[in-house]
Amino acid sequence: MNKKIVIGLLALVSFPGFAKNVPIEKDAVISSEVPRSVVMALAEAIELYGYSCKSVSSVVPFAISRGYYITCNNWIYKYEVEDKGGKMIITAD
C-alpha cells in the first residue's frame, strides 16, 4: 500500500477532526461506543483506500480486536477496518 495512504488513514482514525462530513443515514445503526467523529474518519478512510462510502448505514466495533464493521451507501457495501500493527487495513466484504 502507498505510504501516503497509510499515513493518511492513521491520521484520520487517530485524529478524526480531519475527516470530512459524510452523511449518516436516518435509519443508520451506529454503536453508542462509536463517536460521530470516528464514524466520519472511518468513512473517509474507506474512500482514501479506493472504496465507496458516500453515506454510512452502520458502524459496530469489533468485539475482541481493534477495528470496526462499517456498512455504507444504503446497506450496499460492507467493510472491515482493522488496526494491524498500527496500520489500518480496510477489507471489502
PDB file of N, CA and C in Angstrom:
ATOM      1  N   MET A   1       0.848  -1.176   0.000  1.00  0.00           N
ATOM      2  CA  MET A   1       0.000   0.000   0.000  1.00  0.00           C
ATOM      3  C   MET A   1       0.891   1.237   0.000  1.00  0.00           C
ATOM      4  N   ASN A   2       0.423   2.289  -0.632  1.00  0.00           N
ATOM      5  CA  ASN A   2       1.132   3.544  -0.707  1.00  0.00           C
ATOM      6  C   ASN A   2       1.357   4.113   0.690  1.00  0.00           C
ATOM      7  N   LYS A   3       2.590   4.542   0.965  1.00  0.00           N
ATOM      8  CA  LYS A   3       2.947   5.062   2.295  1.00  0.00           C
ATOM      9  C   LYS A   3       2.106   6.291   2.666  1.00  0.00           C
ATOM     10  N   LYS A   4       1.806   7.160   1.700  1.00  0.00           N
ATOM     11  CA  LYS A   4       1.000   8.351   1.973  1.00  0.00           C
ATOM     12  C   LYS A   4      -0.415   7.968   2.400  1.00  0.00           C
ATOM     13  N   ILE A   5      -0.975   6.926   1.800  1.00  0.00           N
ATOM     14  CA  ILE A   5      -2.317   6.475   2.170  1.00  0.00           C
ATOM     15  C   ILE A   5      -2.316   5.931   3.592  1.00  0.00           C
ATOM     16  N   VAL A   6      -1.301   5.163   3.941  1.00  0.00           N
ATOM     17  CA  VAL A   6      -1.211   4.608   5.296  1.00  0.00           C
ATOM     18  C   VAL A   6      -1.152   5.738   6.315  1.00  0.00           C
ATOM     19  N   ILE A   7      -0.306   6.732   6.067  1.00  0.00           N
ATOM     20  CA  ILE A   7      -0.194   7.869   6.985  1.00  0.00           C
ATOM     21  C   ILE A   7      -1.514   8.606   7.069  1.00  0.00           C
ATOM     22  N   GLY A   8      -2.179   8.802   5.940  1.00  0.00           N
ATOM     23  CA  GLY A   8      -3.474   9.472   5.920  1.00  0.00           C
ATOM     24  C   GLY A   8      -4.530   8.717   6.698  1.00  0.00           C
ATOM     25  N   LEU A   9      -4.567   7.395   6.547  1.00  0.00           N
ATOM     26  CA  LEU A   9      -5.535   6.581   7.265  1.00  0.00           C
ATOM     27  C   LEU A   9      -5.290   6.656   8.762  1.00  0.00           C
ATOM     28  N   LEU A  10      -4.042   6.552   9.166  1.00  0.00           N
ATOM     29  CA  LEU A  10      -3.713   6.628  10.592  1.00  0.00           C
ATOM     30  C   LEU A  10      -4.086   7.991  11.168  1.00  0.00           C
ATOM     31  N   ALA A  11      -3.828   9.052  10.417  1.00  0.00           N
ATOM     32  CA  ALA A  11      -4.174  10.398  10.885  1.00  0.00           C
ATOM     33  C   ALA A  11      -5.682  10.553  11.035  1.00  0.00           C
ATOM     34  N   LEU A  12      -6.442  10.046  10.076  1.00  0.00           N
ATOM     35  CA  LEU A  12      -7.899  10.172  10.135  1.00  0.00           C
ATOM     36  C   LEU A  12      -8.493   9.462  11.340  1.00  0.00           C
ATOM     37  N   VAL A  13      -8.029   8.243  11.586  1.00  0.00           N
ATOM     38  CA  VAL A  13      -8.611   7.480  12.682  1.00  0.00           C
ATOM     39  C   VAL A  13      -8.060   7.955  14.025  1.00  0.00           C
ATOM     40  N   SER A  14      -6.801   8.399  14.058  1.00  0.00           N
ATOM     41  CA  SER A  14      -6.216   8.885  15.304  1.00  0.00           C
ATOM     42  C   SER A  14      -6.699  10.293  15.653  1.00  0.00           C
ATOM     43  N   PHE A  15      -6.891  11.111  14.635  1.00  0.00           N
ATOM     44  CA  PHE A  15      -7.324  12.493  14.821  1.00  0.00           C
ATOM     45  C   PHE A  15      -8.541  12.747  13.933  1.00  0.00           C
ATOM     46  N   PRO A  16      -9.713  12.216  14.316  1.00  0.00           N
ATOM     47  CA  PRO A  16     -10.872  12.246  13.433  1.00  0.00           C
ATOM     48  C   PRO A  16     -11.384  13.638  13.062  1.00  0.00           C
ATOM     49  N   GLY A  17     -10.879  14.680  13.694  1.00  0.00           N
ATOM     50  CA  GLY A  17     -11.290  16.034  13.327  1.00  0.00           C
ATOM     51  C   GLY A  17     -10.914  16.394  11.901  1.00  0.00           C
ATOM     52  N   PHE A  18      -9.976  15.635  11.300  1.00  0.00           N
ATOM     53  CA  PHE A  18      -9.551  15.893   9.926  1.00  0.00           C
ATOM     54  C   PHE A  18     -10.529  15.349   8.890  1.00  0.00           C
ATOM     55  N   ALA A  19     -11.419  14.478   9.278  1.00  0.00           N
ATOM     56  CA  ALA A  19     -12.304  13.805   8.326  1.00  0.00           C
ATOM     57  C   ALA A  19     -13.390  14.746   7.816  1.00  0.00           C
ATOM     58  N   LYS A  20     -13.825  14.506   6.582  1.00  0.00           N
ATOM     59  CA  LYS A  20     -14.914  15.297   6.024  1.00  0.00           C
ATOM     60  C   LYS A  20     -16.242  14.800   6.591  1.00  0.00           C
ATOM     61  N   ASN A  21     -17.282  15.551   6.360  1.00  0.00           N
ATOM     62  CA  ASN A  21     -18.600  15.229   6.898  1.00  0.00           C
ATOM     63  C   ASN A  21     -19.367  14.357   5.900  1.00  0.00           C
ATOM     64  N   VAL A  22     -19.439  13.071   6.167  1.00  0.00           N
ATOM     65  CA  VAL A  22     -20.167  12.112   5.336  1.00  0.00           C
ATOM     66  C   VAL A  22     -21.546  11.921   5.957  1.00  0.00           C
ATOM     67  N   PRO A  23     -22.622  11.916   5.163  1.00  0.00           N
ATOM     68  CA  PRO A  23     -23.961  11.754   5.744  1.00  0.00           C
ATOM     69  C   PRO A  23     -24.135  10.416   6.459  1.00  0.00           C
ATOM     70  N   ILE A  24     -24.778  10.477   7.605  1.00  0.00           N
ATOM     71  CA  ILE A  24     -25.197   9.271   8.318  1.00  0.00           C
ATOM     72  C   ILE A  24     -26.673   9.084   7.985  1.00  0.00           C
ATOM     73  N   GLU A  25     -27.028   7.926   7.470  1.00  0.00           N
ATOM     74  CA  GLU A  25     -28.407   7.674   7.037  1.00  0.00           C
ATOM     75  C   GLU A  25     -29.368   7.724   8.218  1.00  0.00           C
ATOM     76  N   LYS A  26     -30.624   8.115   7.946  1.00  0.00           N
ATOM     77  CA  LYS A  26     -31.596   8.303   9.033  1.00  0.00           C
ATOM     78  C   LYS A  26     -31.918   7.007   9.769  1.00  0.00           C
ATOM     79  N   ASP A  27     -31.796   5.861   9.107  1.00  0.00           N
ATOM     80  CA  ASP A  27     -32.061   4.581   9.772  1.00  0.00           C
ATOM     81  C   ASP A  27     -30.762   3.852  10.141  1.00  0.00           C
ATOM     82  N   ALA A  28     -29.653   4.606  10.215  1.00  0.00           N
ATOM     83  CA  ALA A  28     -28.347   4.010  10.490  1.00  0.00           C
ATOM     84  C   ALA A  28     -28.302   3.376  11.878  1.00  0.00           C
ATOM     85  N   VAL A  29     -27.516   2.316  11.972  1.00  0.00           N
ATOM     86  CA  VAL A  29     -27.297   1.624  13.245  1.00  0.00           C
ATOM     87  C   VAL A  29     -25.843   1.888  13.634  1.00  0.00           C
ATOM     88  N   ILE A  30     -25.658   2.850  14.523  1.00  0.00           N
ATOM     89  CA  ILE A  30     -24.321   3.224  14.976  1.00  0.00           C
ATOM     90  C   ILE A  30     -24.200   2.849  16.450  1.00  0.00           C
ATOM     91  N   SER A  31     -23.195   2.053  16.783  1.00  0.00           N
ATOM     92  CA  SER A  31     -22.974   1.656  18.170  1.00  0.00           C
ATOM     93  C   SER A  31     -22.777   2.902  19.032  1.00  0.00           C
ATOM     94  N   SER A  32     -23.340   2.875  20.233  1.00  0.00           N
ATOM     95  CA  SER A  32     -23.201   4.012  21.150  1.00  0.00           C
ATOM     96  C   SER A  32     -21.746   4.201  21.581  1.00  0.00           C
ATOM     97  N   GLU A  33     -20.905   3.201  21.381  1.00  0.00           N
ATOM     98  CA  GLU A  33     -19.489   3.275  21.735  1.00  0.00           C
ATOM     99  C   GLU A  33     -18.655   4.035  20.695  1.00  0.00           C
ATOM    100  N   VAL A  34     -19.260   4.350  19.544  1.00  0.00           N
ATOM    101  CA  VAL A  34     -18.513   4.958  18.441  1.00  0.00           C
ATOM    102  C   VAL A  34     -18.938   6.411  18.281  1.00  0.00           C
ATOM    103  N   PRO A  35     -18.052   7.360  18.602  1.00  0.00           N
ATOM    104  CA  PRO A  35     -18.391   8.779  18.430  1.00  0.00           C
ATOM    105  C   PRO A  35     -18.562   9.141  16.949  1.00  0.00           C
ATOM    106  N   ARG A  36     -19.343  10.175  16.711  1.00  0.00           N
ATOM    107  CA  ARG A  36     -19.604  10.633  15.344  1.00  0.00           C
ATOM    108  C   ARG A  36     -18.300  10.948  14.604  1.00  0.00           C
ATOM    109  N   SER A  37     -17.340  11.527  15.297  1.00  0.00           N
ATOM    110  CA  SER A  37     -16.073  11.877  14.656  1.00  0.00           C
ATOM    111  C   SER A  37     -15.349  10.630  14.138  1.00  0.00           C
ATOM    112  N   VAL A  38     -15.452   9.526  14.840  1.00  0.00           N
ATOM    113  CA  VAL A  38     -14.837   8.276  14.390  1.00  0.00           C
ATOM    114  C   VAL A  38     -15.600   7.715  13.191  1.00  0.00           C
ATOM    115  N   VAL A  39     -16.917   7.826  13.204  1.00  0.00           N
ATOM    116  CA  VAL A  39     -17.731   7.386  12.057  1.00  0.00           C
ATOM    117  C   VAL A  39     -17.274   8.125  10.796  1.00  0.00           C
ATOM    118  N   MET A  40     -17.103   9.453  10.910  1.00  0.00           N
ATOM    119  CA  MET A  40     -16.671  10.257   9.765  1.00  0.00           C
ATOM    120  C   MET A  40     -15.267   9.845   9.310  1.00  0.00           C
ATOM    121  N   ALA A  41     -14.371   9.622  10.271  1.00  0.00           N
ATOM    122  CA  ALA A  41     -12.998   9.231   9.934  1.00  0.00           C
ATOM    123  C   ALA A  41     -12.965   7.873   9.236  1.00  0.00           C
ATOM    124  N   LEU A  42     -13.793   6.941   9.694  1.00  0.00           N
ATOM    125  CA  LEU A  42     -13.842   5.620   9.055  1.00  0.00           C
ATOM    126  C   LEU A  42     -14.328   5.725   7.612  1.00  0.00           C
ATOM    127  N   ALA A  43     -15.376   6.505   7.389  1.00  0.00           N
ATOM    128  CA  ALA A  43     -15.906   6.676   6.032  1.00  0.00           C
ATOM    129  C   ALA A  43     -14.867   7.309   5.119  1.00  0.00           C
ATOM    130  N   GLU A  44     -14.166   8.312   5.627  1.00  0.00           N
ATOM    131  CA  GLU A  44     -13.129   8.972   4.835  1.00  0.00           C
ATOM    132  C   GLU A  44     -11.974   8.016   4.550  1.00  0.00           C
ATOM    133  N   ALA A  45     -11.590   7.208   5.524  1.00  0.00           N
ATOM    134  CA  ALA A  45     -10.512   6.246   5.326  1.00  0.00           C
ATOM    135  C   ALA A  45     -10.879   5.240   4.241  1.00  0.00           C
ATOM    136  N   ILE A  46     -12.127   4.796   4.240  1.00  0.00           N
ATOM    137  CA  ILE A  46     -12.600   3.863   3.214  1.00  0.00           C
ATOM    138  C   ILE A  46     -12.483   4.497   1.834  1.00  0.00           C
ATOM    139  N   GLU A  47     -12.873   5.761   1.726  1.00  0.00           N
ATOM    140  CA  GLU A  47     -12.775   6.479   0.449  1.00  0.00           C
ATOM    141  C   GLU A  47     -11.308   6.622   0.024  1.00  0.00           C
ATOM    142  N   LEU A  48     -10.421   6.956   0.967  1.00  0.00           N
ATOM    143  CA  LEU A  48      -8.999   7.086   0.646  1.00  0.00           C
ATOM    144  C   LEU A  48      -8.396   5.768   0.183  1.00  0.00           C
ATOM    145  N   TYR A  49      -8.926   4.692   0.670  1.00  0.00           N
ATOM    146  CA  TYR A  49      -8.443   3.365   0.315  1.00  0.00           C
ATOM    147  C   TYR A  49      -8.926   2.946  -1.081  1.00  0.00           C
ATOM    148  N   GLY A  50      -9.836   3.748  -1.663  1.00  0.00           N
ATOM    149  CA  GLY A  50     -10.306   3.479  -3.021  1.00  0.00           C
ATOM    150  C   GLY A  50     -11.673   2.844  -3.113  1.00  0.00           C
ATOM    151  N   TYR A  51     -12.325   2.654  -1.970  1.00  0.00           N
ATOM    152  CA  TYR A  51     -13.675   2.089  -1.952  1.00  0.00           C
ATOM    153  C   TYR A  51     -14.704   3.208  -1.852  1.00  0.00           C
ATOM    154  N   SER A  52     -15.983   2.855  -1.941  1.00  0.00           N
ATOM    155  CA  SER A  52     -17.058   3.839  -1.879  1.00  0.00           C
ATOM    156  C   SER A  52     -17.760   3.831  -0.527  1.00  0.00           C
ATOM    157  N   CYS A  53     -17.881   5.015   0.068  1.00  0.00           N
ATOM    158  CA  CYS A  53     -18.671   5.196   1.287  1.00  0.00           C
ATOM    159  C   CYS A  53     -19.209   6.618   1.274  1.00  0.00           C
ATOM    160  N   LYS A  54     -20.253   6.837   0.493  1.00  0.00           N
ATOM    161  CA  LYS A  54     -20.863   8.161   0.339  1.00  0.00           C
ATOM    162  C   LYS A  54     -21.835   8.483   1.465  1.00  0.00           C
ATOM    163  N   SER A  55     -22.325   7.432   2.151  1.00  0.00           N
ATOM    164  CA  SER A  55     -23.171   7.609   3.335  1.00  0.00           C
ATOM    165  C   SER A  55     -22.958   6.383   4.229  1.00  0.00           C
ATOM    166  N   VAL A  56     -23.199   6.566   5.535  1.00  0.00           N
ATOM    167  CA  VAL A  56     -22.941   5.495   6.498  1.00  0.00           C
ATOM    168  C   VAL A  56     -24.254   4.864   6.948  1.00  0.00           C
ATOM    169  N   SER A  57     -24.337   3.536   6.830  1.00  0.00           N
ATOM    170  CA  SER A  57     -25.522   2.779   7.235  1.00  0.00           C
ATOM    171  C   SER A  57     -25.368   2.183   8.629  1.00  0.00           C
ATOM    172  N   SER A  58     -24.141   1.724   8.959  1.00  0.00           N
ATOM    173  CA  SER A  58     -23.910   1.141  10.288  1.00  0.00           C
ATOM    174  C   SER A  58     -22.429   1.147  10.623  1.00  0.00           C
ATOM    175  N   VAL A  59     -22.150   1.213  11.925  1.00  0.00           N
ATOM    176  CA  VAL A  59     -20.786   1.070  12.439  1.00  0.00           C
ATOM    177  C   VAL A  59     -20.871   0.317  13.757  1.00  0.00           C
ATOM    178  N   VAL A  60     -20.118  -0.783  13.835  1.00  0.00           N
ATOM    179  CA  VAL A  60     -20.082  -1.602  15.048  1.00  0.00           C
ATOM    180  C   VAL A  60     -18.617  -1.947  15.318  1.00  0.00           C
ATOM    181  N   PRO A  61     -18.131  -1.718  16.544  1.00  0.00           N
ATOM    182  CA  PRO A  61     -16.746  -2.086  16.838  1.00  0.00           C
ATOM    183  C   PRO A  61     -16.581  -3.598  16.926  1.00  0.00           C
ATOM    184  N   PHE A  62     -15.368  -4.069  16.635  1.00  0.00           N
ATOM    185  CA  PHE A  62     -15.053  -5.482  16.817  1.00  0.00           C
ATOM    186  C   PHE A  62     -15.198  -5.817  18.297  1.00  0.00           C
ATOM    187  N   ALA A  63     -15.590  -7.024  18.603  1.00  0.00           N
ATOM    188  CA  ALA A  63     -15.770  -7.449  19.990  1.00  0.00           C
ATOM    189  C   ALA A  63     -14.446  -7.715  20.698  1.00  0.00           C
ATOM    190  N   ILE A  64     -13.468  -8.263  19.973  1.00  0.00           N
ATOM    191  CA  ILE A  64     -12.237  -8.686  20.633  1.00  0.00           C
ATOM    192  C   ILE A  64     -11.034  -7.837  20.225  1.00  0.00           C
ATOM    193  N   SER A  65     -10.820  -7.623  18.941  1.00  0.00           N
ATOM    194  CA  SER A  65      -9.653  -6.869  18.479  1.00  0.00           C
ATOM    195  C   SER A  65     -10.031  -5.416  18.187  1.00  0.00           C
ATOM    196  N   ARG A  66      -9.027  -4.624  17.772  1.00  0.00           N
ATOM    197  CA  ARG A  66      -9.249  -3.209  17.483  1.00  0.00           C
ATOM    198  C   ARG A  66      -9.684  -3.038  16.032  1.00  0.00           C
ATOM    199  N   GLY A  67     -10.905  -2.573  15.837  1.00  0.00           N
ATOM    200  CA  GLY A  67     -11.401  -2.342  14.496  1.00  0.00           C
ATOM    201  C   GLY A  67     -12.907  -2.180  14.486  1.00  0.00           C
ATOM    202  N   TYR A  68     -13.460  -2.029  13.277  1.00  0.00           N
ATOM    203  CA  TYR A  68     -14.882  -1.752  13.114  1.00  0.00           C
ATOM    204  C   TYR A  68     -15.444  -2.477  11.897  1.00  0.00           C
ATOM    205  N   TYR A  69     -16.707  -2.835  12.000  1.00  0.00           N
ATOM    206  CA  TYR A  69     -17.503  -3.237  10.844  1.00  0.00           C
ATOM    207  C   TYR A  69     -18.270  -1.994  10.439  1.00  0.00           C
ATOM    208  N   ILE A  70     -18.230  -1.648   9.163  1.00  0.00           N
ATOM    209  CA  ILE A  70     -18.960  -0.469   8.684  1.00  0.00           C
ATOM    210  C   ILE A  70     -19.677  -0.829   7.387  1.00  0.00           C
ATOM    211  N   THR A  71     -20.915  -0.387   7.281  1.00  0.00           N
ATOM    212  CA  THR A  71     -21.725  -0.592   6.081  1.00  0.00           C
ATOM    213  C   THR A  71     -22.054   0.785   5.508  1.00  0.00           C
ATOM    214  N   CYS A  72     -21.968   0.908   4.186  1.00  0.00           N
ATOM    215  CA  CYS A  72     -22.138   2.204   3.527  1.00  0.00           C
ATOM    216  C   CYS A  72     -23.148   2.142   2.381  1.00  0.00           C
ATOM    217  N   ASN A  73     -23.529   3.314   1.922  1.00  0.00           N
ATOM    218  CA  ASN A  73     -24.340   3.500   0.717  1.00  0.00           C
ATOM    219  C   ASN A  73     -25.651   2.705   0.765  1.00  0.00           C
ATOM    220  N   ASN A  74     -26.459   2.995   1.788  1.00  0.00           N
ATOM    221  CA  ASN A  74     -27.769   2.341   1.953  1.00  0.00           C
ATOM    222  C   ASN A  74     -27.655   0.825   2.035  1.00  0.00           C
ATOM    223  N   TRP A  75     -26.741   0.373   2.882  1.00  0.00           N
ATOM    224  CA  TRP A  75     -26.561  -1.041   3.205  1.00  0.00           C
ATOM    225  C   TRP A  75     -26.017  -1.865   2.037  1.00  0.00           C
ATOM    226  N   ILE A  76     -25.379  -1.221   1.060  1.00  0.00           N
ATOM    227  CA  ILE A  76     -24.881  -1.942  -0.109  1.00  0.00           C
ATOM    228  C   ILE A  76     -23.471  -2.497   0.111  1.00  0.00           C
ATOM    229  N   TYR A  77     -22.557  -1.670   0.630  1.00  0.00           N
ATOM    230  CA  TYR A  77     -21.160  -2.068   0.771  1.00  0.00           C
ATOM    231  C   TYR A  77     -20.802  -2.299   2.231  1.00  0.00           C
ATOM    232  N   LYS A  78     -20.108  -3.413   2.482  1.00  0.00           N
ATOM    233  CA  LYS A  78     -19.688  -3.768   3.841  1.00  0.00           C
ATOM    234  C   LYS A  78     -18.161  -3.820   3.894  1.00  0.00           C
ATOM    235  N   TYR A  79     -17.616  -3.265   4.974  1.00  0.00           N
ATOM    236  CA  TYR A  79     -16.169  -3.220   5.136  1.00  0.00           C
ATOM    237  C   TYR A  79     -15.780  -3.606   6.556  1.00  0.00           C
ATOM    238  N   GLU A  80     -14.537  -4.056   6.675  1.00  0.00           N
ATOM    239  CA  GLU A  80     -13.897  -4.223   7.975  1.00  0.00           C
ATOM    240  C   GLU A  80     -12.698  -3.287   7.984  1.00  0.00           C
ATOM    241  N   VAL A  81     -12.605  -2.477   9.030  1.00  0.00           N
ATOM    242  CA  VAL A  81     -11.473  -1.574   9.205  1.00  0.00           C
ATOM    243  C   VAL A  81     -10.759  -2.042  10.467  1.00  0.00           C
ATOM    244  N   GLU A  82      -9.550  -2.579  10.290  1.00  0.00           N
ATOM    245  CA  GLU A  82      -8.846  -3.207  11.398  1.00  0.00           C
ATOM    246  C   GLU A  82      -7.463  -2.597  11.596  1.00  0.00           C
ATOM    247  N   ASP A  83      -7.100  -2.405  12.850  1.00  0.00           N
ATOM    248  CA  ASP A  83      -5.770  -1.931  13.212  1.00  0.00           C
ATOM    249  C   ASP A  83      -4.857  -3.152  13.330  1.00  0.00           C
ATOM    250  N   LYS A  84      -3.908  -3.235  12.410  1.00  0.00           N
ATOM    251  CA  LYS A  84      -2.932  -4.356  12.431  1.00  0.00           C
ATOM    252  C   LYS A  84      -1.539  -3.752  12.542  1.00  0.00           C
ATOM    253  N   GLY A  85      -0.984  -3.813  13.744  1.00  0.00           N
ATOM    254  CA  GLY A  85       0.369  -3.300  13.955  1.00  0.00           C
ATOM    255  C   GLY A  85       0.507  -1.819  13.707  1.00  0.00           C
ATOM    256  N   GLY A  86      -0.551  -1.052  13.970  1.00  0.00           N
ATOM    257  CA  GLY A  86      -0.508   0.385  13.757  1.00  0.00           C
ATOM    258  C   GLY A  86      -0.918   0.824  12.358  1.00  0.00           C
ATOM    259  N   LYS A  87      -1.233  -0.131  11.482  1.00  0.00           N
ATOM    260  CA  LYS A  87      -1.706   0.200  10.136  1.00  0.00           C
ATOM    261  C   LYS A  87      -3.182  -0.144  10.047  1.00  0.00           C
ATOM    262  N   MET A  88      -3.953   0.735   9.445  1.00  0.00           N
ATOM    263  CA  MET A  88      -5.367   0.470   9.253  1.00  0.00           C
ATOM    264  C   MET A  88      -5.526  -0.344   7.973  1.00  0.00           C
ATOM    265  N   ILE A  89      -6.109  -1.507   8.101  1.00  0.00           N
ATOM    266  CA  ILE A  89      -6.340  -2.398   6.972  1.00  0.00           C
ATOM    267  C   ILE A  89      -7.833  -2.395   6.694  1.00  0.00           C
ATOM    268  N   ILE A  90      -8.206  -2.049   5.477  1.00  0.00           N
ATOM    269  CA  ILE A  90      -9.614  -1.990   5.088  1.00  0.00           C
ATOM    270  C   ILE A  90      -9.876  -3.115   4.099  1.00  0.00           C
ATOM    271  N   THR A  91     -10.868  -3.927   4.437  1.00  0.00           N
ATOM    272  CA  THR A  91     -11.229  -5.067   3.606  1.00  0.00           C
ATOM    273  C   THR A  91     -12.682  -4.957   3.214  1.00  0.00           C
ATOM    274  N   ALA A  92     -12.968  -5.080   1.920  1.00  0.00           N
ATOM    275  CA  ALA A  92     -14.352  -5.102   1.449  1.00  0.00           C
ATOM    276  C   ALA A  92     -14.897  -6.509   1.653  1.00  0.00           C
ATOM    277  N   ASP A  93     -16.131  -6.578   2.114  1.00  0.00           N
ATOM    278  CA  ASP A  93     -16.763  -7.858   2.378  1.00  0.00           C
ATOM    279  C   ASP A  93     -17.670  -8.238   1.227  1.00  0.00           C
TER     280      ASP A  93
END
